Protein backbone atom coordinates (compact mmCIF):
# COMPACT_ATOMS: atom_id res chain seq x y z
CA MET A 1 124.49 111.21 182.93
CA THR A 2 124.40 112.29 179.36
CA GLU A 3 121.80 110.54 177.27
CA GLU A 4 123.37 108.91 174.18
CA THR A 5 121.76 109.56 170.82
CA ALA A 6 121.03 106.45 168.79
CA PRO A 7 123.01 106.32 165.51
CA ILE A 8 121.11 107.13 162.40
CA SER A 9 120.70 104.12 160.09
CA THR A 10 122.30 104.43 156.63
CA THR A 11 120.08 101.73 155.16
CA ALA A 12 118.16 103.09 152.15
CA ILE A 13 114.48 103.54 152.68
CA PRO A 14 112.56 101.33 150.29
CA ASN A 15 110.71 103.20 147.46
CA ASP A 16 108.98 102.53 144.11
CA SER A 17 111.62 104.14 141.88
CA GLY A 18 113.02 100.80 140.73
CA ALA A 19 109.62 99.46 139.80
CA SER A 20 108.71 102.68 138.00
CA SER A 21 111.92 102.55 136.00
CA SER A 22 111.19 98.99 134.92
CA VAL A 23 107.69 99.93 133.85
CA LEU A 24 108.97 102.90 131.87
CA LYS A 25 111.56 100.74 130.13
CA THR A 26 108.89 98.21 129.26
CA LEU A 27 106.60 100.90 127.91
CA GLY A 28 109.48 102.43 125.97
CA CYS A 29 110.29 99.15 124.26
CA GLY A 30 106.64 98.62 123.42
CA CYS A 31 106.29 102.11 121.92
CA ALA A 32 109.45 101.69 119.89
CA ALA A 33 108.20 98.39 118.52
CA LEU A 34 104.85 99.98 117.63
CA VAL A 35 106.55 102.89 115.85
CA ALA A 36 108.78 100.47 113.94
CA LEU A 37 105.73 98.44 112.91
CA VAL A 38 103.92 101.55 111.70
CA LEU A 39 106.93 102.54 109.61
CA ILE A 40 107.73 99.09 108.24
CA VAL A 41 104.26 97.95 107.15
CA PRO A 42 103.76 100.69 104.51
CA LEU A 43 107.25 100.04 103.16
CA VAL A 44 106.59 96.34 102.81
CA CYS A 45 103.21 96.92 101.20
CA GLY A 46 104.77 99.42 98.79
CA SER A 47 107.42 96.92 97.77
CA TRP A 48 104.84 94.21 97.18
CA GLY A 49 102.76 96.54 95.03
CA SER A 50 105.73 97.46 92.83
CA THR A 51 105.49 94.17 90.93
CA ASP A 52 101.76 94.33 90.21
CA PHE A 53 102.24 94.43 86.43
CA PRO A 54 99.58 93.54 83.84
CA ARG A 55 99.95 90.45 81.64
CA VAL A 56 100.44 91.75 78.10
CA ALA A 57 102.18 90.22 75.09
CA PRO A 58 105.47 91.94 74.09
CA GLU A 59 104.22 92.78 70.61
CA ASP A 60 101.33 94.76 72.13
CA MET A 61 103.60 96.77 74.44
CA ALA A 62 106.04 97.32 71.56
CA GLY A 63 103.17 98.71 69.50
CA ARG A 64 102.27 101.07 72.33
CA ALA A 65 105.84 102.42 72.50
CA PHE A 66 105.86 102.80 68.70
CA GLN A 67 102.66 104.86 68.82
CA ARG A 68 104.17 107.20 71.46
CA SER A 69 107.17 107.80 69.21
CA GLN A 70 105.01 108.30 66.14
CA TRP A 71 102.91 110.92 67.91
CA ALA A 72 106.05 112.87 68.85
CA TYR A 73 107.40 112.49 65.31
CA ASP A 74 104.24 114.03 63.90
CA VAL A 75 104.32 116.92 66.40
CA VAL A 76 107.87 117.84 65.41
CA GLY A 77 106.74 117.76 61.79
CA PHE A 78 109.05 115.18 60.22
CA LYS A 79 107.92 113.68 56.91
CA ARG A 80 110.60 111.11 56.13
CA THR A 81 110.08 107.36 56.54
CA VAL A 82 112.76 105.39 58.40
CA LYS A 83 113.36 101.73 57.68
CA PRO A 84 113.70 99.26 60.60
CA GLY A 85 117.14 98.90 62.17
CA VAL A 86 120.24 101.05 62.57
CA GLU A 87 123.53 100.97 60.66
CA ASP A 88 125.67 103.32 62.75
CA ILE A 89 124.35 104.38 66.18
CA GLY A 90 124.51 108.13 66.65
CA VAL A 91 125.16 108.76 62.97
CA SER A 92 122.64 106.97 60.73
CA THR A 93 118.86 106.86 60.94
CA GLU A 94 117.42 104.50 63.54
CA ASN A 95 114.15 102.65 64.11
CA THR A 96 114.54 99.91 66.71
CA PHE A 97 112.82 98.14 69.59
CA SER A 98 114.59 97.10 72.77
CA SER A 99 113.52 95.22 75.87
CA SER A 100 114.86 95.43 79.41
CA PHE A 101 114.27 93.72 82.74
CA CYS A 102 111.92 95.06 85.40
CA TYR A 103 112.85 95.28 89.08
CA ASP A 104 110.96 94.84 92.34
CA GLY A 105 111.94 98.21 93.81
CA GLY A 106 113.96 96.67 96.64
CA LEU A 107 112.40 95.43 99.88
CA LEU A 108 113.15 97.72 102.86
CA GLY A 109 116.15 99.29 101.22
CA LEU A 110 117.64 96.07 99.90
CA ALA A 111 119.02 95.86 96.38
CA ASP A 112 116.54 95.65 93.50
CA GLU A 113 115.94 92.20 92.07
CA THR A 114 114.72 91.36 88.59
CA VAL A 115 111.12 90.18 88.39
CA ASP A 116 110.74 86.83 86.62
CA GLY A 117 108.72 87.15 83.43
CA ALA A 118 108.48 90.96 83.54
CA TYR A 119 109.84 93.24 80.82
CA ARG A 120 109.80 96.87 79.66
CA MET A 121 109.60 97.72 75.94
CA SER A 122 111.19 100.80 74.37
CA HIS A 123 111.29 102.26 70.89
CA ARG A 124 114.18 104.37 69.61
CA TRP A 125 114.28 106.48 66.48
CA ALA A 126 116.65 108.99 64.93
CA LEU A 127 117.04 111.17 61.85
CA ASP A 128 120.18 112.60 60.28
CA HIS A 129 120.50 115.85 58.31
CA VAL A 130 118.00 117.77 60.50
CA PRO A 131 118.72 121.54 60.16
CA ALA A 132 118.12 124.14 62.86
CA SER A 133 115.25 125.66 60.89
CA GLN A 134 113.29 122.44 61.45
CA ALA A 135 114.68 121.19 64.76
CA VAL A 136 114.32 124.34 66.89
CA SER A 137 110.67 125.06 66.13
CA GLY A 138 109.79 121.36 66.30
CA PHE A 139 111.53 120.91 69.62
CA ARG A 140 109.73 123.85 71.22
CA ARG A 141 106.40 122.69 69.82
CA LEU A 142 106.96 119.18 71.20
CA HIS A 143 107.83 120.58 74.64
CA GLN A 144 104.58 122.56 74.76
CA HIS A 145 102.41 119.71 73.44
CA LEU A 146 103.75 117.24 76.00
CA GLN A 147 102.99 119.65 78.83
CA ASP A 148 99.48 120.15 77.45
CA LYS A 149 99.01 116.36 77.38
CA GLY A 150 99.84 116.09 81.09
CA TRP A 151 103.40 114.78 80.87
CA GLU A 152 105.82 115.88 83.60
CA VAL A 153 108.85 117.62 82.15
CA THR A 154 111.82 116.43 84.22
CA SER A 155 114.44 118.23 82.15
CA TYR A 156 114.39 120.74 79.30
CA ARG A 157 117.36 122.53 77.83
CA GLU A 158 117.57 124.79 74.81
CA GLY A 159 121.22 124.37 74.00
CA GLY A 160 121.70 127.61 72.16
CA LYS A 161 124.38 128.12 69.56
CA GLY A 162 126.36 124.93 69.03
CA LYS A 163 125.01 123.15 72.14
CA ASP A 164 122.71 120.13 72.38
CA TRP A 165 118.98 120.44 73.00
CA ASP A 166 117.42 117.99 75.49
CA LEU A 167 113.89 117.13 76.59
CA PHE A 168 112.98 114.42 79.13
CA VAL A 169 109.40 113.71 80.23
CA GLN A 170 107.56 111.10 82.26
CA ARG A 171 104.15 110.26 83.68
CA ASP A 172 102.56 107.78 86.10
CA GLU A 173 105.53 108.27 88.45
CA GLY A 174 108.03 107.32 85.79
CA ALA A 175 106.25 104.23 84.46
CA GLU A 176 106.25 105.88 81.02
CA ARG A 177 109.10 108.01 79.72
CA MET A 178 110.13 109.81 76.58
CA SER A 179 113.36 111.61 75.73
CA PHE A 180 114.54 113.71 72.81
CA THR A 181 117.89 115.23 71.83
CA TRP A 182 119.03 117.36 68.92
CA TYR A 183 122.75 117.65 68.19
CA PRO A 184 123.33 120.86 66.19
CA ASP A 185 126.93 120.02 65.28
CA ARG A 186 125.81 116.77 63.62
CA LYS A 187 122.29 117.89 62.65
CA TYR A 188 121.09 114.70 64.33
CA PHE A 189 117.71 114.32 66.05
CA SER A 190 116.94 111.29 68.27
CA GLY A 191 113.95 110.21 70.35
CA SER A 192 112.86 107.30 72.51
CA ALA A 193 109.72 106.10 74.27
CA SER A 194 109.45 103.45 76.98
CA VAL A 195 106.19 102.01 78.29
CA PRO A 196 105.29 100.44 81.67
CA CYS A 197 106.46 97.01 82.75
CA ALA A 198 104.31 93.99 81.95
CA TYR A 199 104.39 90.22 82.43
CA ASP A 200 104.89 88.11 79.32
CA PRO A 201 102.07 85.53 79.23
CA ALA A 202 104.37 83.15 77.35
CA TRP A 203 107.28 83.38 79.81
CA LYS A 204 108.58 80.06 81.16
CA ASN A 205 110.93 79.18 84.01
CA GLY A 206 114.45 79.09 82.66
CA ASP A 207 114.02 81.90 80.15
CA ILE A 208 117.07 84.16 80.38
CA ASP A 209 116.60 87.20 78.14
CA PRO A 210 113.83 89.74 78.78
CA ALA A 211 110.69 89.16 76.73
CA GLY A 212 110.32 91.14 73.54
CA ASP A 213 114.01 91.37 72.69
CA ASP A 214 113.26 89.83 69.29
CA GLN A 215 110.67 92.42 68.21
CA THR A 216 111.19 94.31 64.93
CA PRO A 217 109.33 97.57 64.23
CA PRO A 218 107.58 98.40 60.96
CA PRO A 219 108.82 101.34 58.85
CA PHE A 220 108.65 104.51 60.95
CA GLY A 221 107.24 107.73 59.54
CA PRO A 222 104.40 110.24 59.70
CA HIS A 223 101.06 108.80 60.75
CA SER A 224 98.69 108.23 57.85
CA GLY A 225 96.36 111.13 57.40
CA THR A 226 98.61 113.68 59.12
């Protein structure tokens, strides 16, 4: 009599693969959360720090911007005195202050928001009837002096015959900026200086316009003694 062979069971043999998979998934989630935390925390801290502005009155920051412009004016070698205001932008002489809002830098990639009570002052100036004999040498001298003073030159272009000359500089990661342009076709030379953001000590809830928008500069010309 032939001995019958017992059928082989198809039931899966228990093992630890399921448990291991669960553990790995748990560890994976934990690691991902840790990595996300490491990446997010510096971003949040950086956004918070972007609004750490000093409390300074607008007239003081306006004076600082004016001094930056006056220094550049002296370096170029201009001797004329420009009265406050502007009659025809891009054509007439100019000597004006302006104020703009400051922004929080955007939290985690979100859109920038204005910071209540914070402002940035700028000073703009311009001269008409500036010939190449004065503009070219002055422009090159200004470019070199700004580099020597530690400013970062973000753009510099010698326009050549009939083309505009441009110079843009900044420092402190863009907190301070200056720009200069000479238009040979119009013999027009313009400059501007903006200083870091600050909180207006006199700002009150409900104020709409940026602080300092009512500032008027004094006559603009060569610094006394230069």
